[in-house]
């Protein structure tokens, strides 16, 4: 039971720190940071694919992780491509 309290604390702390860090990022660094976040989501996607084997609960959680990580990866690449196309000469 104590492990779930510790994991909940880590989750809440990471959400708080993530919001604090994201709010302080200048707009000029948004695209490079999004590329890094896409790479991290790609790693999470690979990790979620390895979970789709054992119990029904693991399969459901893995499906949700795969869905959200895929949205983040593909959406991030679309936004990054759109932002980079703004700097191309016509």
PDB file of N, CA and C in Angstrom:
ATOM      1  N   UNK A   1       0.820  -1.205   0.000  1.00  0.00           N
ATOM      2  CA  UNK A   1       0.000   0.000   0.000  1.00  0.00           C
ATOM      3  C   UNK A   1       0.857   1.259   0.000  1.00  0.00           C
ATOM      4  N   UNK A   2       2.013   1.179   0.710  1.00  0.00           N
ATOM      5  CA  UNK A   2       2.869   2.368   0.769  1.00  0.00           C
ATOM      6  C   UNK A   2       3.441   2.727  -0.600  1.00  0.00           C
ATOM      7  N   UNK A   3       3.648   1.702  -1.435  1.00  0.00           N
ATOM      8  CA  UNK A   3       4.210   1.962  -2.759  1.00  0.00           C
ATOM      9  C   UNK A   3       3.244   2.786  -3.615  1.00  0.00           C
ATOM     10  N   UNK A   4       1.939   2.567  -3.448  1.00  0.00           N
ATOM     11  CA  UNK A   4       0.952   3.331  -4.215  1.00  0.00           C
ATOM     12  C   UNK A   4       0.911   4.782  -3.753  1.00  0.00           C
ATOM     13  N   UNK A   5       1.111   5.008  -2.473  1.00  0.00           N
ATOM     14  CA  UNK A   5       1.176   6.387  -1.973  1.00  0.00           C
ATOM     15  C   UNK A   5       2.408   7.081  -2.537  1.00  0.00           C
ATOM     16  N   UNK A   6       3.541   6.374  -2.552  1.00  0.00           N
ATOM     17  CA  UNK A   6       4.770   6.936  -3.101  1.00  0.00           C
ATOM     18  C   UNK A   6       4.620   7.216  -4.598  1.00  0.00           C
ATOM     19  N   UNK A   7       4.031   6.280  -5.340  1.00  0.00           N
ATOM     20  CA  UNK A   7       3.833   6.486  -6.772  1.00  0.00           C
ATOM     21  C   UNK A   7       2.867   7.637  -7.043  1.00  0.00           C
ATOM     22  N   UNK A   8       1.828   7.769  -6.233  1.00  0.00           N
ATOM     23  CA  UNK A   8       0.911   8.899  -6.365  1.00  0.00           C
ATOM     24  C   UNK A   8       1.609  10.223  -6.101  1.00  0.00           C
ATOM     25  N   UNK A   9       2.469  10.239  -5.089  1.00  0.00           N
ATOM     26  CA  UNK A   9       3.236  11.447  -4.788  1.00  0.00           C
ATOM     27  C   UNK A   9       4.156  11.813  -5.950  1.00  0.00           C
ATOM     28  N   UNK A  10       4.831  10.832  -6.530  1.00  0.00           N
ATOM     29  CA  UNK A  10       5.720  11.086  -7.672  1.00  0.00           C
ATOM     30  C   UNK A  10       4.924  11.599  -8.864  1.00  0.00           C
ATOM     31  N   UNK A  11       3.739  11.036  -9.091  1.00  0.00           N
ATOM     32  CA  UNK A  11       2.896  11.492 -10.197  1.00  0.00           C
ATOM     33  C   UNK A  11       2.474  12.946 -10.003  1.00  0.00           C
ATOM     34  N   UNK A  12       1.995  13.283  -8.823  1.00  0.00           N
ATOM     35  CA  UNK A  12       1.551  14.655  -8.563  1.00  0.00           C
ATOM     36  C   UNK A  12       2.727  15.632  -8.639  1.00  0.00           C
ATOM     37  N   UNK A  13       3.872  15.244  -8.103  1.00  0.00           N
ATOM     38  CA  UNK A  13       5.056  16.094  -8.166  1.00  0.00           C
ATOM     39  C   UNK A  13       5.518  16.302  -9.601  1.00  0.00           C
ATOM     40  N   UNK A  14       5.486  15.261 -10.418  1.00  0.00           N
ATOM     41  CA  UNK A  14       5.922  15.407 -11.810  1.00  0.00           C
ATOM     42  C   UNK A  14       4.956  16.271 -12.610  1.00  0.00           C
ATOM     43  N   UNK A  15       3.661  16.173 -12.325  1.00  0.00           N
ATOM     44  CA  UNK A  15       2.691  17.041 -13.003  1.00  0.00           C
ATOM     45  C   UNK A  15       2.947  18.497 -12.641  1.00  0.00           C
ATOM     46  N   UNK A  16       3.156  18.761 -11.355  1.00  0.00           N
ATOM     47  CA  UNK A  16       3.403  20.137 -10.902  1.00  0.00           C
ATOM     48  C   UNK A  16       4.684  20.692 -11.521  1.00  0.00           C
ATOM     49  N   UNK A  17       5.767  19.919 -11.463  1.00  0.00           N
ATOM     50  CA  UNK A  17       7.035  20.389 -12.015  1.00  0.00           C
ATOM     51  C   UNK A  17       6.952  20.563 -13.535  1.00  0.00           C
ATOM     52  N   UNK A  18       6.249  19.674 -14.202  1.00  0.00           N
ATOM     53  CA  UNK A  18       6.079  19.807 -15.646  1.00  0.00           C
ATOM     54  C   UNK A  18       5.347  21.081 -16.021  1.00  0.00           C
ATOM     55  N   UNK A  19       4.291  21.392 -15.299  1.00  0.00           N
ATOM     56  CA  UNK A  19       3.549  22.627 -15.573  1.00  0.00           C
ATOM     57  C   UNK A  19       4.404  23.857 -15.295  1.00  0.00           C
ATOM     58  N   UNK A  20       5.185  23.826 -14.228  1.00  0.00           N
ATOM     59  CA  UNK A  20       6.051  24.953 -13.916  1.00  0.00           C
ATOM     60  C   UNK A  20       7.123  25.149 -14.988  1.00  0.00           C
ATOM     61  N   UNK A  21       7.712  24.059 -15.439  1.00  0.00           N
ATOM     62  CA  UNK A  21       8.760  24.178 -16.450  1.00  0.00           C
ATOM     63  C   UNK A  21       8.208  24.625 -17.795  1.00  0.00           C
ATOM     64  N   UNK A  22       7.089  24.073 -18.202  1.00  0.00           N
ATOM     65  CA  UNK A  22       6.506  24.425 -19.497  1.00  0.00           C
ATOM     66  C   UNK A  22       6.084  25.890 -19.537  1.00  0.00           C
ATOM     67  N   UNK A  23       5.568  26.395 -18.432  1.00  0.00           N
ATOM     68  CA  UNK A  23       5.096  27.785 -18.423  1.00  0.00           C
ATOM     69  C   UNK A  23       6.236  28.783 -18.512  1.00  0.00           C
ATOM     70  N   UNK A  24       7.454  28.376 -18.218  1.00  0.00           N
ATOM     71  CA  UNK A  24       8.589  29.291 -18.232  1.00  0.00           C
ATOM     72  C   UNK A  24       9.429  29.186 -19.513  1.00  0.00           C
ATOM     73  N   UNK A  25       9.010  28.375 -20.462  1.00  0.00           N
ATOM     74  CA  UNK A  25       9.770  28.199 -21.704  1.00  0.00           C
ATOM     75  C   UNK A  25       9.411  29.314 -22.687  1.00  0.00           C
ATOM     76  N   UNK A  26      10.421  30.024 -23.209  1.00  0.00           N
ATOM     77  CA  UNK A  26      10.113  31.048 -24.222  1.00  0.00           C
ATOM     78  C   UNK A  26       9.669  30.396 -25.528  1.00  0.00           C
ATOM     79  N   UNK A  27       8.942  31.148 -26.315  1.00  0.00           N
ATOM     80  CA  UNK A  27       8.365  30.582 -27.537  1.00  0.00           C
ATOM     81  C   UNK A  27       9.424  30.192 -28.560  1.00  0.00           C
ATOM     82  N   UNK A  28      10.621  30.779 -28.504  1.00  0.00           N
ATOM     83  CA  UNK A  28      11.669  30.418 -29.463  1.00  0.00           C
ATOM     84  C   UNK A  28      12.218  29.022 -29.212  1.00  0.00           C
ATOM     85  N   UNK A  29      12.053  28.507 -28.000  1.00  0.00           N
ATOM     86  CA  UNK A  29      12.541  27.164 -27.688  1.00  0.00           C
ATOM     87  C   UNK A  29      11.457  26.106 -27.798  1.00  0.00           C
ATOM     88  N   UNK A  30      10.260  26.492 -28.198  1.00  0.00           N
ATOM     89  CA  UNK A  30       9.145  25.551 -28.211  1.00  0.00           C
ATOM     90  C   UNK A  30       9.364  24.396 -29.181  1.00  0.00           C
ATOM     91  N   UNK A  31       9.833  24.691 -30.387  1.00  0.00           N
ATOM     92  CA  UNK A  31      10.012  23.642 -31.389  1.00  0.00           C
ATOM     93  C   UNK A  31      11.093  22.633 -31.011  1.00  0.00           C
ATOM     94  N   UNK A  32      12.281  23.064 -30.551  1.00  0.00           N
ATOM     95  CA  UNK A  32      13.269  22.052 -30.139  1.00  0.00           C
ATOM     96  C   UNK A  32      12.793  21.212 -28.955  1.00  0.00           C
ATOM     97  N   UNK A  33      12.091  21.816 -28.027  1.00  0.00           N
ATOM     98  CA  UNK A  33      11.591  21.042 -26.888  1.00  0.00           C
ATOM     99  C   UNK A  33      10.503  20.068 -27.317  1.00  0.00           C
ATOM    100  N   UNK A  34       9.692  20.458 -28.303  1.00  0.00           N
ATOM    101  CA  UNK A  34       8.658  19.549 -28.792  1.00  0.00           C
ATOM    102  C   UNK A  34       9.293  18.338 -29.463  1.00  0.00           C
ATOM    103  N   UNK A  35      10.407  18.546 -30.150  1.00  0.00           N
ATOM    104  CA  UNK A  35      11.099  17.421 -30.766  1.00  0.00           C
ATOM    105  C   UNK A  35      11.611  16.463 -29.700  1.00  0.00           C
ATOM    106  N   UNK A  36      12.123  17.006 -28.597  1.00  0.00           N
ATOM    107  CA  UNK A  36      12.571  16.148 -27.499  1.00  0.00           C
ATOM    108  C   UNK A  36      11.417  15.413 -26.856  1.00  0.00           C
ATOM    109  N   UNK A  37      10.287  16.081 -26.717  1.00  0.00           N
ATOM    110  CA  UNK A  37       9.108  15.431 -26.138  1.00  0.00           C
ATOM    111  C   UNK A  37       8.595  14.330 -27.062  1.00  0.00           C
ATOM    112  N   UNK A  38       8.719  14.529 -28.362  1.00  0.00           N
ATOM    113  CA  UNK A  38       8.324  13.476 -29.304  1.00  0.00           C
ATOM    114  C   UNK A  38       9.197  12.243 -29.138  1.00  0.00           C
ATOM    115  N   UNK A  39      10.482  12.456 -28.905  1.00  0.00           N
ATOM    116  CA  UNK A  39      11.384  11.321 -28.704  1.00  0.00           C
ATOM    117  C   UNK A  39      11.023  10.571 -27.421  1.00  0.00           C
ATOM    118  N   UNK A  40      10.702  11.296 -26.375  1.00  0.00           N
ATOM    119  CA  UNK A  40      10.313  10.658 -25.113  1.00  0.00           C
ATOM    120  C   UNK A  40       8.996   9.904 -25.292  1.00  0.00           C
ATOM    121  N   UNK A  41       8.066  10.476 -26.021  1.00  0.00           N
ATOM    122  CA  UNK A  41       6.804   9.775 -26.271  1.00  0.00           C
ATOM    123  C   UNK A  41       7.021   8.534 -27.123  1.00  0.00           C
ATOM    124  N   UNK A  42       7.989   8.590 -28.009  1.00  0.00           N
ATOM    125  CA  UNK A  42       8.322   7.397 -28.788  1.00  0.00           C
ATOM    126  C   UNK A  42       8.848   6.280 -27.898  1.00  0.00           C
ATOM    127  N   UNK A  43       9.647   6.632 -26.902  1.00  0.00           N
ATOM    128  CA  UNK A  43      10.136   5.637 -25.947  1.00  0.00           C
ATOM    129  C   UNK A  43       8.972   5.079 -25.131  1.00  0.00           C
ATOM    130  N   UNK A  44       8.057   5.953 -24.714  1.00  0.00           N
ATOM    131  CA  UNK A  44       6.878   5.486 -23.976  1.00  0.00           C
ATOM    132  C   UNK A  44       6.017   4.579 -24.839  1.00  0.00           C
ATOM    133  N   UNK A  45       5.975   4.862 -26.115  1.00  0.00           N
ATOM    134  CA  UNK A  45       5.208   4.025 -27.043  1.00  0.00           C
ATOM    135  C   UNK A  45       5.803   2.620 -27.132  1.00  0.00           C
ATOM    136  N   UNK A  46       7.115   2.527 -27.206  1.00  0.00           N
ATOM    137  CA  UNK A  46       7.770   1.218 -27.238  1.00  0.00           C
ATOM    138  C   UNK A  46       7.539   0.476 -25.923  1.00  0.00           C
ATOM    139  N   UNK A  47       7.627   1.194 -24.803  1.00  0.00           N
ATOM    140  CA  UNK A  47       7.370   0.567 -23.504  1.00  0.00           C
ATOM    141  C   UNK A  47       5.945   0.074 -23.377  1.00  0.00           C
ATOM    142  N   UNK A  48       4.997   0.834 -23.899  1.00  0.00           N
ATOM    143  CA  UNK A  48       3.596   0.422 -23.833  1.00  0.00           C
ATOM    144  C   UNK A  48       3.335  -0.800 -24.706  1.00  0.00           C
ATOM    145  N   UNK A  49       4.043  -0.900 -25.798  1.00  0.00           N
ATOM    146  CA  UNK A  49       3.868  -2.071 -26.668  1.00  0.00           C
ATOM    147  C   UNK A  49       4.327  -3.354 -25.982  1.00  0.00           C
ATOM    148  N   UNK A  50       5.268  -3.248 -25.062  1.00  0.00           N
ATOM    149  CA  UNK A  50       5.727  -4.442 -24.354  1.00  0.00           C
ATOM    150  C   UNK A  50       4.762  -4.873 -23.254  1.00  0.00           C
ATOM    151  N   UNK A  51       3.826  -4.020 -22.881  1.00  0.00           N
ATOM    152  CA  UNK A  51       2.881  -4.345 -21.810  1.00  0.00           C
ATOM    153  C   UNK A  51       1.648  -5.088 -22.289  1.00  0.00           C
ATOM    154  N   UNK A  52       1.462  -5.235 -23.555  1.00  0.00           N
ATOM    155  CA  UNK A  52       0.209  -5.762 -24.088  1.00  0.00           C
ATOM    156  C   UNK A  52       0.146  -7.283 -24.069  1.00  0.00           C
ATOM    157  N   UNK A  53       0.616  -7.915 -22.992  1.00  0.00           N
ATOM    158  CA  UNK A  53       0.669  -9.366 -23.006  1.00  0.00           C
ATOM    159  C   UNK A  53      -0.092 -10.031 -21.873  1.00  0.00           C
ATOM    160  N   UNK A  54      -0.002  -9.565 -20.652  1.00  0.00           N
ATOM    161  CA  UNK A  54      -0.417 -10.362 -19.506  1.00  0.00           C
ATOM    162  C   UNK A  54      -1.903 -10.236 -19.173  1.00  0.00           C
ATOM    163  N   UNK A  55      -2.250  -9.340 -18.302  1.00  0.00           N
ATOM    164  CA  UNK A  55      -3.621  -9.279 -17.796  1.00  0.00           C
ATOM    165  C   UNK A  55      -4.459  -8.291 -18.594  1.00  0.00           C
ATOM    166  N   UNK A  56      -5.763  -8.330 -18.349  1.00  0.00           N
ATOM    167  CA  UNK A  56      -6.678  -7.419 -19.039  1.00  0.00           C
ATOM    168  C   UNK A  56      -6.393  -5.977 -18.646  1.00  0.00           C
ATOM    169  N   UNK A  57      -6.095  -5.742 -17.363  1.00  0.00           N
ATOM    170  CA  UNK A  57      -5.807  -4.378 -16.897  1.00  0.00           C
ATOM    171  C   UNK A  57      -4.556  -3.830 -17.575  1.00  0.00           C
ATOM    172  N   UNK A  58      -3.532  -4.652 -17.701  1.00  0.00           N
ATOM    173  CA  UNK A  58      -2.324  -4.213 -18.394  1.00  0.00           C
ATOM    174  C   UNK A  58      -2.612  -3.911 -19.862  1.00  0.00           C
ATOM    175  N   UNK A  59      -3.457  -4.692 -20.469  1.00  0.00           N
ATOM    176  CA  UNK A  59      -3.801  -4.458 -21.875  1.00  0.00           C
ATOM    177  C   UNK A  59      -4.542  -3.136 -22.038  1.00  0.00           C
ATOM    178  N   UNK A  60      -5.456  -2.833 -21.135  1.00  0.00           N
ATOM    179  CA  UNK A  60      -6.212  -1.575 -21.204  1.00  0.00           C
ATOM    180  C   UNK A  60      -5.287  -0.389 -20.982  1.00  0.00           C
ATOM    181  N   UNK A  61      -4.419  -0.474 -19.970  1.00  0.00           N
ATOM    182  CA  UNK A  61      -3.490   0.619 -19.691  1.00  0.00           C
ATOM    183  C   UNK A  61      -2.518   0.794 -20.854  1.00  0.00           C
ATOM    184  N   UNK A  62      -2.051  -0.316 -21.407  1.00  0.00           N
ATOM    185  CA  UNK A  62      -1.141  -0.238 -22.553  1.00  0.00           C
ATOM    186  C   UNK A  62      -1.830   0.383 -23.760  1.00  0.00           C
ATOM    187  N   UNK A  63      -3.094   0.041 -23.989  1.00  0.00           N
ATOM    188  CA  UNK A  63      -3.836   0.631 -25.102  1.00  0.00           C
ATOM    189  C   UNK A  63      -3.959   2.143 -24.928  1.00  0.00           C
ATOM    190  N   UNK A  64      -4.276   2.583 -23.707  1.00  0.00           N
ATOM    191  CA  UNK A  64      -4.373   4.021 -23.453  1.00  0.00           C
ATOM    192  C   UNK A  64      -3.021   4.708 -23.639  1.00  0.00           C
ATOM    193  N   UNK A  65      -1.956   4.069 -23.152  1.00  0.00           N
ATOM    194  CA  UNK A  65      -0.624   4.648 -23.307  1.00  0.00           C
ATOM    195  C   UNK A  65      -0.235   4.736 -24.780  1.00  0.00           C
ATOM    196  N   UNK A  66      -0.536   3.704 -25.533  1.00  0.00           N
ATOM    197  CA  UNK A  66      -0.230   3.717 -26.969  1.00  0.00           C
ATOM    198  C   UNK A  66      -1.029   4.808 -27.676  1.00  0.00           C
ATOM    199  N   UNK A  67      -2.288   4.960 -27.319  1.00  0.00           N
ATOM    200  CA  UNK A  67      -3.132   5.981 -27.942  1.00  0.00           C
ATOM    201  C   UNK A  67      -2.611   7.385 -27.659  1.00  0.00           C
ATOM    202  N   UNK A  68      -2.361   7.684 -26.378  1.00  0.00           N
ATOM    203  CA  UNK A  68      -1.916   9.035 -26.025  1.00  0.00           C
ATOM    204  C   UNK A  68      -0.516   9.332 -26.543  1.00  0.00           C
ATOM    205  N   UNK A  69       0.385   8.369 -26.486  1.00  0.00           N
ATOM    206  CA  UNK A  69       1.741   8.591 -26.997  1.00  0.00           C
ATOM    207  C   UNK A  69       1.709   8.786 -28.516  1.00  0.00           C
ATOM    208  N   UNK A  70       0.861   8.041 -29.209  1.00  0.00           N
ATOM    209  CA  UNK A  70       0.761   8.199 -30.665  1.00  0.00           C
ATOM    210  C   UNK A  70       0.217   9.570 -31.032  1.00  0.00           C
ATOM    211  N   UNK A  71      -0.789  10.022 -30.310  1.00  0.00           N
ATOM    212  CA  UNK A  71      -1.330  11.364 -30.557  1.00  0.00           C
ATOM    213  C   UNK A  71      -0.252  12.408 -30.346  1.00  0.00           C
ATOM    214  N   UNK A  72       0.530  12.252 -29.282  1.00  0.00           N
ATOM    215  CA  UNK A  72       1.584  13.221 -28.987  1.00  0.00           C
ATOM    216  C   UNK A  72       2.680  13.199 -30.053  1.00  0.00           C
ATOM    217  N   UNK A  73       3.091  12.016 -30.465  1.00  0.00           N
ATOM    218  CA  UNK A  73       4.164  11.916 -31.464  1.00  0.00           C
ATOM    219  C   UNK A  73       3.708  12.490 -32.801  1.00  0.00           C
ATOM    220  N   UNK A  74       2.591  12.014 -33.323  1.00  0.00           N
ATOM    221  CA  UNK A  74       2.156  12.462 -34.647  1.00  0.00           C
ATOM    222  C   UNK A  74       1.718  13.927 -34.638  1.00  0.00           C
ATOM    223  N   UNK A  75       1.022  14.349 -33.596  1.00  0.00           N
ATOM    224  CA  UNK A  75       0.636  15.754 -33.497  1.00  0.00           C
ATOM    225  C   UNK A  75       1.836  16.662 -33.355  1.00  0.00           C
ATOM    226  N   UNK A  76       2.818  16.221 -32.590  1.00  0.00           N
ATOM    227  CA  UNK A  76       4.032  17.016 -32.417  1.00  0.00           C
ATOM    228  C   UNK A  76       4.793  17.183 -33.714  1.00  0.00           C
ATOM    229  N   UNK A  77       4.879  16.109 -34.483  1.00  0.00           N
ATOM    230  CA  UNK A  77       5.567  16.228 -35.767  1.00  0.00           C
ATOM    231  C   UNK A  77       4.797  17.126 -36.724  1.00  0.00           C
ATOM    232  N   UNK A  78       3.497  17.080 -36.709  1.00  0.00           N
ATOM    233  CA  UNK A  78       2.719  17.966 -37.583  1.00  0.00           C
ATOM    234  C   UNK A  78       2.913  19.430 -37.205  1.00  0.00           C
ATOM    235  N   UNK A  79       2.878  19.714 -35.908  1.00  0.00           N
ATOM    236  CA  UNK A  79       3.060  21.101 -35.458  1.00  0.00           C
ATOM    237  C   UNK A  79       4.476  21.574 -35.747  1.00  0.00           C
ATOM    238  N   UNK A  80       5.474  20.717 -35.504  1.00  0.00           N
ATOM    239  CA  UNK A  80       6.858  21.091 -35.787  1.00  0.00           C
ATOM    240  C   UNK A  80       7.053  21.356 -37.270  1.00  0.00           C
ATOM    241  N   UNK A  81       6.488  20.518 -38.118  1.00  0.00           N
ATOM    242  CA  UNK A  81       6.596  20.726 -39.559  1.00  0.00           C
ATOM    243  C   UNK A  81       5.926  22.031 -39.973  1.00  0.00           C
ATOM    244  N   UNK A  82       4.790  22.320 -39.379  1.00  0.00           N
ATOM    245  CA  UNK A  82       4.081  23.559 -39.721  1.00  0.00           C
ATOM    246  C   UNK A  82       4.884  24.787 -39.288  1.00  0.00           C
ATOM    247  N   UNK A  83       5.488  24.703 -38.097  1.00  0.00           N
ATOM    248  CA  UNK A  83       6.282  25.841 -37.622  1.00  0.00           C
ATOM    249  C   UNK A  83       7.531  26.028 -38.468  1.00  0.00           C
ATOM    250  N   UNK A  84       8.188  24.935 -38.856  1.00  0.00           N
ATOM    251  CA  UNK A  84       9.385  25.056 -39.680  1.00  0.00           C
ATOM    252  C   UNK A  84       9.056  25.556 -41.080  1.00  0.00           C
ATOM    253  N   UNK A  85       7.869  25.242 -41.589  1.00  0.00           N
ATOM    254  CA  UNK A  85       7.500  25.738 -42.914  1.00  0.00           C
ATOM    255  C   UNK A  85       7.249  27.240 -42.905  1.00  0.00           C
ATOM    256  N   UNK A  86       7.023  27.816 -41.746  1.00  0.00           N
ATOM    257  CA  UNK A  86       6.845  29.270 -41.670  1.00  0.00           C
ATOM    258  C   UNK A  86       8.163  30.004 -41.953  1.00  0.00           C
ATOM    259  N   UNK A  87       9.295  29.325 -41.741  1.00  0.00           N
ATOM    260  CA  UNK A  87      10.580  29.975 -41.929  1.00  0.00           C
ATOM    261  C   UNK A  87      11.174  29.743 -43.315  1.00  0.00           C
ATOM    262  N   UNK A  88      10.511  28.950 -44.155  1.00  0.00           N
ATOM    263  CA  UNK A  88      11.003  28.716 -45.507  1.00  0.00           C
ATOM    264  C   UNK A  88      10.693  29.912 -46.393  1.00  0.00           C
ATOM    265  N   UNK A  89      11.620  30.175 -47.290  1.00  0.00           N
ATOM    266  CA  UNK A  89      11.401  31.270 -48.235  1.00  0.00           C
ATOM    267  C   UNK A  89      10.454  30.801 -49.329  1.00  0.00           C
ATOM    268  N   UNK A  90       9.588  31.674 -49.748  1.00  0.00           N
ATOM    269  CA  UNK A  90       8.618  31.322 -50.794  1.00  0.00           C
ATOM    270  C   UNK A  90       9.146  31.689 -52.157  1.00  0.00           C
TER     271      UNK A  90
END
